[in-house]
Structure formats: structure tokens, C-alpha cells
Protein backbone atom coordinates (compact mmCIF):
# COMPACT_ATOMS: atom_id res chain seq x y z
CA UNK A 1 116.16 80.19 94.83
CA UNK A 2 118.36 77.83 96.80
CA UNK A 3 122.08 77.38 96.14
CA UNK A 4 121.33 73.73 95.41
CA UNK A 5 119.16 74.71 92.43
CA UNK A 6 121.86 77.07 91.13
CA UNK A 7 124.32 74.11 91.13
CA UNK A 8 122.28 71.62 89.16
CA UNK A 9 119.60 73.37 87.06
CA UNK A 10 120.35 74.76 83.61
CA UNK A 11 120.41 78.56 83.34
CA UNK A 12 117.19 78.67 81.24
CA UNK A 13 115.30 76.61 83.82
CA UNK A 14 116.52 78.82 86.69
CA UNK A 15 115.46 81.96 84.81
CA UNK A 16 112.06 80.41 84.00
CA UNK A 17 111.47 79.52 87.62
CA UNK A 18 112.52 82.99 88.76
CA UNK A 19 110.13 84.64 86.24
CA UNK A 20 107.25 82.44 87.44
CA UNK A 21 108.04 83.33 91.09
CA UNK A 22 108.08 87.06 90.32
CA UNK A 23 104.83 86.86 88.34
CA UNK A 24 103.15 85.10 91.26
CA UNK A 25 104.46 87.71 93.78
CA UNK A 26 103.23 90.55 91.59
CA UNK A 27 99.75 89.04 91.38
CA UNK A 28 99.42 88.49 95.10
CA UNK A 29 100.98 91.75 96.31
CA UNK A 30 99.01 94.99 96.69
CA UNK A 31 102.17 96.79 97.80
CA UNK A 32 103.50 99.59 95.48
CA UNK A 33 106.27 102.13 95.64
CA UNK A 34 105.44 105.44 94.00
CA UNK A 35 107.73 108.22 92.78
CA UNK A 36 106.66 111.47 91.19
CA UNK A 37 106.29 109.84 87.77
CA UNK A 38 105.93 106.09 88.25
CA UNK A 39 104.47 103.26 90.30
CA UNK A 40 106.35 99.98 90.82
CA UNK A 41 105.04 96.73 92.34
CA UNK A 42 106.87 95.67 95.48
CA UNK A 43 107.77 91.96 95.48
CA UNK A 44 108.80 91.85 99.14
CA UNK A 45 108.73 94.33 102.03
CA UNK A 46 110.57 94.06 105.36
CA UNK A 47 111.37 96.43 108.25
CA UNK A 48 114.46 98.02 106.68
CA UNK A 49 113.64 97.84 102.97
CA UNK A 50 111.91 96.18 100.04
CA UNK A 51 112.53 94.41 96.69
CA UNK A 52 111.24 95.21 93.22
CA UNK A 53 111.70 93.58 89.86
CA UNK A 54 115.15 94.50 88.52
CA UNK A 55 113.62 95.62 85.25
CA UNK A 56 111.69 98.36 87.05
CA UNK A 57 114.55 99.59 89.22
CA UNK A 58 116.74 101.70 86.97
CA UNK A 59 115.41 105.10 87.96
CA UNK A 60 114.12 104.22 91.45
CA UNK A 61 115.86 106.29 94.13
CA UNK A 62 115.41 109.16 96.55
CA UNK A 63 112.12 110.05 98.18
CA UNK A 64 109.26 107.59 97.54
CA UNK A 65 105.84 106.75 98.91
CA UNK A 66 104.87 103.17 99.86
CA UNK A 67 101.23 102.04 99.40
CA UNK A 68 99.24 99.00 100.32
CA UNK A 69 96.47 99.22 97.75
CA UNK A 70 95.05 102.74 98.23
CA UNK A 71 96.39 103.06 101.83
CA UNK A 72 99.44 105.31 102.06
CA UNK A 73 101.79 103.56 104.49
CA UNK A 74 105.18 105.32 104.45
CA UNK A 75 107.17 108.16 103.08
CA UNK A 76 110.77 107.07 102.70
CA UNK A 77 114.22 107.94 101.53
CA UNK A 78 115.68 104.87 99.78
CA UNK A 79 119.02 103.71 98.45
CA UNK A 80 119.74 100.69 96.27
CA UNK A 81 121.59 98.03 98.26
CA UNK A 82 121.81 94.84 96.20
CA UNK A 83 121.17 93.56 92.71
CA UNK A 84 120.82 89.78 92.59
CA UNK A 85 120.14 89.63 88.83
CA UNK A 86 116.38 89.23 89.25
CA UNK A 87 115.43 91.64 92.08
CA UNK A 88 116.77 94.98 93.12
CA UNK A 89 116.87 95.39 96.91
CA UNK A 90 116.45 98.82 98.49
CA UNK A 91 117.22 99.94 102.04
CA UNK A 92 115.31 102.68 103.87
CA UNK A 93 117.68 105.44 104.91
CA UNK A 94 114.61 106.99 106.55
CA UNK A 95 110.99 105.94 106.64
CA UNK A 96 108.05 107.70 108.24
CA UNK A 97 104.71 106.06 108.80
CA UNK A 98 101.86 108.20 107.44
CA UNK A 99 98.72 108.87 109.45
CA UNK A 100 95.31 110.36 108.63
CA UNK A 101 95.46 112.64 111.71
CA UNK A 102 97.44 115.81 112.47
CA UNK A 103 100.77 115.41 114.25
CA UNK A 104 100.66 115.24 118.04
CA UNK A 105 102.07 118.73 118.33
CA UNK A 106 99.16 120.14 116.28
CA UNK A 107 97.34 122.82 118.21
CA UNK A 108 93.89 121.59 119.08
CA UNK A 109 91.24 123.71 120.78
CA UNK A 110 90.63 122.89 124.43
CA UNK A 111 86.86 122.44 123.77
CA UNK A 112 87.38 120.07 120.84
CA UNK A 113 85.09 116.97 121.07
CA UNK A 114 86.81 113.78 122.21
CA UNK A 115 84.03 111.36 121.27
CA UNK A 116 80.68 111.13 119.49
CA UNK A 117 77.79 110.21 121.78
CA UNK A 118 74.60 108.76 120.34
CA UNK A 119 71.19 109.97 121.53
CA UNK A 120 69.93 106.51 122.53
């Protein structure tokens, strides 16, 4: 919310607008952060971190997995960086993109197929 709105709107109106904004973000976003026990909706994601609803952030720290729907995107080590009263912002100390293939240094046989050819 802009600084202008903070100056002139009553506290109850600002809180109501922020709740509506978060509810809309939760509905539209498929992004989730997952710990061993819990899954939290991600409100916003950027290169170096993400934001979740402040209510969900108390126990969120350490190693987590980031998902877009069912697709596993990252494994990350996170640290809380900022609490703005509505959202908790987290920074990636480390994030590694996940793949569905073995690592490049995985030993593959020399005669392994490189493509599938049709019989047409």
C-alpha cells in the first residue's frame, strides 16, 4: 500500500484493504513453500526471496521446498528478512533449482540412447 494511503486512511480501512489484497493474491497464486510439516501459500516470489502472510510465518525457517502447483521448483535455505505487519519477507541464503534429470556428473553409459526415432 502506498505511503499516501497510510497518511489519510483510517487504520481499519488500511487493514481491510490489506486483507482483501492478500486474499486475492492467495487465490491467484499456485506458489507454495513446504517444510517437513506444513505448506504455506506464497504471496509474492522474486529472484532473492518471497513473501508469505505474516500469520503463517512464525515457524518458517531453514530448509524449504518451493512449488508451483505440483511442480517442484527449488530447494532453498531461507532466513526471515522483514516483517511489515501484514507480510513476512524471506531471503534465500541458498536456492537450488530442481530438475527431473540426474546431475550432469551422473555416470551415463556410452551406448545410452540420445533420442527416440519413430518407425515412419
